[in-house]
Amino acid sequence: MKTFDKQWNEVHETRNWGKYPAEELVRFMARNFPVARRHKTMVLDLGCGTGANTWYLCREGFKTFAFDGAFAALPRARDLCHGEVSQPHLLQADAGQLPFADACFDAVVEIGALASNSTAGVNSILSEISRTLKPGGRFFASVLFTRSTTGFGTGEKIDAHSWRNVADGPVVGLGTIHFFDRAEIKKLWQRHGFINLEIDRSERTDRNGSFKVSFYMVAATRS
């Protein structure tokens, strides 16, 4: 696979997480897609993991497509969505080589998939998102870790923004992690045809203040 980190198979086999949708995604979808048109709105959940966000999209009536590179995650995603009136189209794929036609989605959403890549991987994925989004389509990305996140600068350096086997903090054991800054986001998103960027940031401590979790959320439109 082009961008998928095989370590995520182990993560999904050993960790029980990913049951509830991301609050920031719920907020984005509610603000941008009227209920009456959701059954006609094609949404791609990129790097769906065990399906928490996929389940939410199906429950809200979107025409949902979802994929992940981890074979260990997909059965759990399928089970989570079982019984919903709207069922997802689930498949195993690589985010850098999407098996979808050009300009087919009204929206692409991702929570943490971009951050699990080197700079080269981030560029490949953004190119594919841009290719598969309709002009005027919406792209939402979250959990784009900032350099304020505990663990930045530890482990094996891949490039100026990416590190593997981070030694401390919330991303230990998650393979390659990309740490973004605002200037980089603007540069990369614009390079791949995205406009009207809205960049927000969330920051908190965890484990009784022993480390910091800091990430960007970006909403954009395909030009």
Foldseek 3Di string as FASTA:
>chain_A
DPWDDQLVLVVLVPDPDDQADDPVVVVVCPVPPDLVCQLVAEEEEEQCFQARVVLVSLQSNHAYEYEHQHPSRVVNNQVSNPPRPRHYNYDYDDLLDDPAAFQAGLEYEYECPLFLGDPVSNLSNLLSVLRRHHAFHKYKYKQQAACQWPQPPAADDDDPFKHAQRPDGDCHSSGIGGHDDPVVVVVSNVVNQWDPKDKDKDKDADDVRPTITIMIMIMTGHD
